[in-house]
Amino acid sequence: MAGYADVTYASSLIAPTASANDAGLAGSVVSNGLMDGVGRAMYGDSSGMMFIKTFTATAKGTASFASSQTDEFGHEIYVSGLIDALPWSQVTFGSTTLTIKP
């Protein structure tokens, strides 16, 4: 199984920070409010976690994260047992918010 996505984030409230816990970021770019093409192949990994990225709060407020399909070739979503990539029409992308308090 493999999955990739683009994720926007509130760069006015949070900044990407390097961490040993980060995963699924090889070949992706994380800057200026966009995580571009994040994800990974998950062979033998039952967690289902596509990626992990660490951020540091830089201001208080409500930070939003929103995922969408990636536009990079080779970064589609593949499911074991299917020959082709999962059609984007069958993928649900989501969003979430994080409240940052002083």
N, C-alpha and C. Protein backbone atom coordinates (compact mmCIF):
# COMPACT_ATOMS: atom_id res chain seq x y z
N MET A 1 0.84 -1.16 0.00
CA MET A 1 0.00 0.00 0.00
C MET A 1 0.90 1.24 0.00
N ALA A 2 0.47 2.29 -0.68
CA ALA A 2 1.21 3.55 -0.69
C ALA A 2 0.21 4.69 -0.78
N GLY A 3 0.53 5.79 -0.14
CA GLY A 3 -0.34 6.96 -0.19
C GLY A 3 0.44 8.24 -0.11
N TYR A 4 0.01 9.25 -0.87
CA TYR A 4 0.67 10.54 -0.90
C TYR A 4 -0.39 11.63 -0.99
N ALA A 5 -0.08 12.82 -0.48
CA ALA A 5 -1.02 13.94 -0.52
C ALA A 5 -0.23 15.25 -0.45
N ASP A 6 -0.91 16.33 -0.78
CA ASP A 6 -0.43 17.67 -0.51
C ASP A 6 -1.19 18.15 0.72
N VAL A 7 -0.54 18.88 1.60
CA VAL A 7 -1.19 19.39 2.80
C VAL A 7 -0.80 20.85 2.98
N THR A 8 -1.81 21.72 3.11
CA THR A 8 -1.54 23.12 3.42
C THR A 8 -1.60 23.30 4.93
N TYR A 9 -0.85 24.26 5.42
CA TYR A 9 -0.84 24.56 6.85
C TYR A 9 -0.69 26.07 7.06
N ALA A 10 -1.03 26.52 8.26
CA ALA A 10 -1.02 27.95 8.59
C ALA A 10 0.39 28.42 8.91
N SER A 11 1.14 28.85 7.91
CA SER A 11 2.53 29.24 8.12
C SER A 11 2.67 30.50 8.96
N SER A 12 1.59 31.24 9.15
CA SER A 12 1.64 32.42 10.01
C SER A 12 1.59 32.04 11.50
N LEU A 13 1.24 30.77 11.80
CA LEU A 13 1.11 30.33 13.19
C LEU A 13 2.06 29.21 13.58
N ILE A 14 2.54 28.44 12.60
CA ILE A 14 3.41 27.31 12.88
C ILE A 14 4.53 27.25 11.84
N ALA A 15 5.66 26.66 12.25
CA ALA A 15 6.81 26.52 11.35
C ALA A 15 7.30 25.08 11.40
N PRO A 16 7.65 24.50 10.24
CA PRO A 16 8.19 23.14 10.24
C PRO A 16 9.52 23.09 11.01
N THR A 17 9.68 22.02 11.78
CA THR A 17 10.87 21.82 12.59
C THR A 17 11.41 20.42 12.32
N ALA A 18 12.71 20.30 12.14
CA ALA A 18 13.32 18.99 11.91
C ALA A 18 13.24 18.15 13.18
N SER A 19 12.88 16.88 13.02
CA SER A 19 12.77 15.97 14.15
C SER A 19 13.12 14.55 13.69
N ALA A 20 13.71 13.78 14.59
CA ALA A 20 14.00 12.38 14.30
C ALA A 20 12.71 11.57 14.14
N ASN A 21 11.58 12.09 14.61
CA ASN A 21 10.30 11.39 14.51
C ASN A 21 9.62 11.59 13.16
N ASP A 22 10.09 12.54 12.35
CA ASP A 22 9.48 12.79 11.04
C ASP A 22 9.60 11.55 10.16
N ALA A 23 8.56 11.28 9.38
CA ALA A 23 8.55 10.12 8.49
C ALA A 23 7.69 10.41 7.28
N GLY A 24 7.99 9.76 6.17
CA GLY A 24 7.18 9.91 4.96
C GLY A 24 7.42 11.21 4.22
N LEU A 25 8.60 11.79 4.40
CA LEU A 25 8.88 13.08 3.78
C LEU A 25 9.95 13.01 2.69
N ALA A 26 10.49 11.83 2.41
CA ALA A 26 11.53 11.70 1.40
C ALA A 26 11.02 12.17 0.04
N GLY A 27 11.73 13.09 -0.57
CA GLY A 27 11.36 13.59 -1.88
C GLY A 27 10.28 14.67 -1.85
N SER A 28 9.79 15.02 -0.68
CA SER A 28 8.76 16.05 -0.59
C SER A 28 9.38 17.38 -0.18
N VAL A 29 8.61 18.45 -0.34
CA VAL A 29 9.05 19.79 0.05
C VAL A 29 8.08 20.31 1.09
N VAL A 30 8.61 20.82 2.21
CA VAL A 30 7.78 21.38 3.26
C VAL A 30 8.23 22.81 3.50
N SER A 31 7.45 23.79 3.01
CA SER A 31 7.78 25.20 3.22
C SER A 31 6.65 26.08 2.74
N ASN A 32 6.64 27.30 3.24
CA ASN A 32 5.69 28.32 2.80
C ASN A 32 4.23 27.87 2.85
N GLY A 33 3.87 27.11 3.90
CA GLY A 33 2.48 26.71 4.07
C GLY A 33 2.05 25.50 3.27
N LEU A 34 2.99 24.77 2.67
CA LEU A 34 2.62 23.60 1.87
C LEU A 34 3.58 22.44 2.14
N MET A 35 2.99 21.28 2.42
CA MET A 35 3.74 20.03 2.43
C MET A 35 3.39 19.38 1.10
N ASP A 36 4.32 19.36 0.17
CA ASP A 36 4.08 18.94 -1.20
C ASP A 36 4.52 17.49 -1.41
N GLY A 37 3.57 16.61 -1.70
CA GLY A 37 3.88 15.22 -2.02
C GLY A 37 4.35 14.40 -0.83
N VAL A 38 3.75 14.61 0.34
CA VAL A 38 4.14 13.83 1.51
C VAL A 38 3.43 12.48 1.51
N GLY A 39 4.10 11.47 2.00
CA GLY A 39 3.54 10.13 2.07
C GLY A 39 4.62 9.10 1.89
N ARG A 40 4.20 7.85 1.76
CA ARG A 40 5.19 6.78 1.64
C ARG A 40 4.53 5.47 1.27
N ALA A 41 5.36 4.52 0.86
CA ALA A 41 4.92 3.14 0.68
C ALA A 41 4.86 2.52 2.06
N MET A 42 3.82 1.76 2.34
CA MET A 42 3.62 1.23 3.68
C MET A 42 3.59 -0.29 3.69
N TYR A 43 4.53 -0.89 3.01
CA TYR A 43 4.59 -2.35 2.95
C TYR A 43 4.87 -2.91 4.34
N GLY A 44 4.01 -3.77 4.83
CA GLY A 44 4.19 -4.40 6.12
C GLY A 44 3.94 -3.50 7.31
N ASP A 45 3.51 -2.26 7.06
CA ASP A 45 3.22 -1.31 8.15
C ASP A 45 1.72 -1.26 8.36
N SER A 46 1.25 -1.78 9.46
CA SER A 46 -0.19 -1.84 9.71
C SER A 46 -0.74 -0.58 10.36
N SER A 47 0.11 0.40 10.65
CA SER A 47 -0.36 1.62 11.33
C SER A 47 -1.22 2.48 10.41
N GLY A 48 -0.97 2.45 9.10
CA GLY A 48 -1.71 3.28 8.17
C GLY A 48 -1.24 4.73 8.16
N MET A 49 -0.20 5.05 8.90
CA MET A 49 0.31 6.42 8.99
C MET A 49 1.04 6.76 7.69
N MET A 50 0.56 7.79 6.98
CA MET A 50 1.19 8.19 5.72
C MET A 50 2.46 9.00 5.94
N PHE A 51 2.43 9.91 6.92
CA PHE A 51 3.60 10.73 7.20
C PHE A 51 3.48 11.32 8.60
N ILE A 52 4.62 11.78 9.11
CA ILE A 52 4.68 12.49 10.38
C ILE A 52 5.57 13.70 10.16
N LYS A 53 5.09 14.88 10.56
CA LYS A 53 5.90 16.11 10.45
C LYS A 53 5.76 16.90 11.74
N THR A 54 6.88 17.37 12.26
CA THR A 54 6.91 18.14 13.49
C THR A 54 6.88 19.63 13.17
N PHE A 55 6.08 20.37 13.93
CA PHE A 55 5.97 21.82 13.79
C PHE A 55 6.21 22.48 15.14
N THR A 56 6.59 23.76 15.11
CA THR A 56 6.71 24.58 16.30
C THR A 56 5.75 25.75 16.17
N ALA A 57 4.98 26.01 17.24
CA ALA A 57 4.06 27.16 17.24
C ALA A 57 4.87 28.44 17.27
N THR A 58 4.47 29.41 16.45
CA THR A 58 5.15 30.70 16.41
C THR A 58 4.24 31.84 16.84
N ALA A 59 2.94 31.57 16.93
CA ALA A 59 1.96 32.57 17.36
C ALA A 59 0.71 31.85 17.85
N LYS A 60 -0.10 32.54 18.64
CA LYS A 60 -1.33 31.91 19.09
C LYS A 60 -2.41 32.10 18.04
N GLY A 61 -3.39 31.20 18.04
CA GLY A 61 -4.48 31.26 17.07
C GLY A 61 -4.94 29.86 16.72
N THR A 62 -5.72 29.75 15.66
CA THR A 62 -6.22 28.46 15.19
C THR A 62 -5.54 28.11 13.88
N ALA A 63 -4.69 27.11 13.94
CA ALA A 63 -3.96 26.67 12.76
C ALA A 63 -4.77 25.60 12.03
N SER A 64 -4.92 25.76 10.74
CA SER A 64 -5.66 24.80 9.91
C SER A 64 -4.71 23.97 9.06
N PHE A 65 -5.06 22.71 8.88
CA PHE A 65 -4.36 21.81 8.00
C PHE A 65 -5.40 21.24 7.04
N ALA A 66 -5.12 21.22 5.74
CA ALA A 66 -6.06 20.67 4.76
C ALA A 66 -5.30 19.84 3.73
N SER A 67 -5.78 18.63 3.49
CA SER A 67 -5.12 17.75 2.52
C SER A 67 -5.85 17.76 1.19
N SER A 68 -5.10 17.47 0.13
CA SER A 68 -5.66 17.38 -1.21
C SER A 68 -4.79 16.42 -2.03
N GLN A 69 -5.29 16.07 -3.21
CA GLN A 69 -4.51 15.16 -4.05
C GLN A 69 -3.22 15.84 -4.50
N THR A 70 -2.17 15.05 -4.56
CA THR A 70 -0.89 15.56 -5.02
C THR A 70 -0.86 15.56 -6.54
N ASP A 71 -0.08 16.45 -7.11
CA ASP A 71 0.00 16.53 -8.57
C ASP A 71 1.29 15.92 -9.10
N GLU A 72 2.04 15.24 -8.25
CA GLU A 72 3.30 14.65 -8.67
C GLU A 72 3.10 13.24 -9.21
N PHE A 73 3.65 12.97 -10.38
CA PHE A 73 3.56 11.65 -10.98
C PHE A 73 4.27 10.64 -10.07
N GLY A 74 3.66 9.49 -9.86
CA GLY A 74 4.23 8.46 -9.02
C GLY A 74 3.84 8.58 -7.57
N HIS A 75 3.06 9.61 -7.24
CA HIS A 75 2.62 9.82 -5.86
C HIS A 75 1.11 9.63 -5.74
N GLU A 76 0.61 8.64 -6.42
CA GLU A 76 -0.80 8.31 -6.34
C GLU A 76 -1.03 7.45 -5.09
N ILE A 77 -2.26 6.99 -4.91
CA ILE A 77 -2.58 6.11 -3.79
C ILE A 77 -2.81 4.71 -4.34
N TYR A 78 -2.04 3.76 -3.82
CA TYR A 78 -2.14 2.37 -4.25
C TYR A 78 -2.60 1.51 -3.09
N VAL A 79 -3.46 0.55 -3.39
CA VAL A 79 -4.00 -0.36 -2.39
C VAL A 79 -3.64 -1.78 -2.80
N SER A 80 -3.21 -2.57 -1.83
CA SER A 80 -2.87 -3.97 -2.11
C SER A 80 -4.02 -4.68 -2.79
N GLY A 81 -3.72 -5.41 -3.85
CA GLY A 81 -4.74 -6.16 -4.57
C GLY A 81 -5.26 -5.45 -5.81
N LEU A 82 -5.02 -4.14 -5.92
CA LEU A 82 -5.42 -3.39 -7.11
C LEU A 82 -4.21 -3.20 -8.01
N ILE A 83 -4.42 -3.27 -9.31
CA ILE A 83 -3.32 -3.12 -10.25
C ILE A 83 -3.01 -1.64 -10.49
N ASP A 84 -4.04 -0.83 -10.61
CA ASP A 84 -3.86 0.60 -10.88
C ASP A 84 -4.02 1.41 -9.60
N ALA A 85 -3.61 2.68 -9.69
CA ALA A 85 -3.80 3.60 -8.56
C ALA A 85 -5.29 3.76 -8.28
N LEU A 86 -5.61 4.01 -7.04
CA LEU A 86 -6.99 4.27 -6.64
C LEU A 86 -7.43 5.58 -7.30
N PRO A 87 -8.59 5.60 -7.98
CA PRO A 87 -9.04 6.85 -8.61
C PRO A 87 -9.25 7.94 -7.57
N TRP A 88 -8.82 9.17 -7.89
CA TRP A 88 -8.97 10.27 -6.93
C TRP A 88 -10.42 10.46 -6.51
N SER A 89 -11.37 10.11 -7.37
CA SER A 89 -12.80 10.26 -7.03
C SER A 89 -13.21 9.35 -5.88
N GLN A 90 -12.39 8.34 -5.56
CA GLN A 90 -12.70 7.42 -4.48
C GLN A 90 -11.90 7.71 -3.21
N VAL A 91 -11.19 8.83 -3.20
CA VAL A 91 -10.37 9.21 -2.05
C VAL A 91 -11.00 10.42 -1.37
N THR A 92 -11.14 10.34 -0.05
CA THR A 92 -11.65 11.46 0.73
C THR A 92 -10.49 12.16 1.41
N PHE A 93 -10.33 13.43 1.12
CA PHE A 93 -9.30 14.25 1.76
C PHE A 93 -9.96 15.05 2.86
N GLY A 94 -9.24 15.29 3.93
CA GLY A 94 -9.83 15.96 5.07
C GLY A 94 -9.04 17.16 5.53
N SER A 95 -9.52 17.73 6.61
CA SER A 95 -8.86 18.88 7.21
C SER A 95 -9.05 18.81 8.73
N THR A 96 -8.25 19.58 9.42
CA THR A 96 -8.37 19.66 10.87
C THR A 96 -7.81 20.99 11.33
N THR A 97 -8.13 21.36 12.55
CA THR A 97 -7.59 22.59 13.13
C THR A 97 -6.94 22.30 14.46
N LEU A 98 -6.04 23.16 14.84
CA LEU A 98 -5.30 23.04 16.08
C LEU A 98 -5.31 24.40 16.75
N THR A 99 -5.80 24.47 17.98
CA THR A 99 -5.83 25.73 18.72
C THR A 99 -4.52 25.91 19.47
N ILE A 100 -3.84 27.02 19.21
CA ILE A 100 -2.58 27.32 19.86
C ILE A 100 -2.84 28.42 20.89
N LYS A 101 -2.58 28.10 22.14
CA LYS A 101 -2.80 29.04 23.23
C LYS A 101 -1.47 29.53 23.78
N PRO A 102 -1.47 30.71 24.39
CA PRO A 102 -0.20 31.23 24.96
C PRO A 102 0.29 30.40 26.12
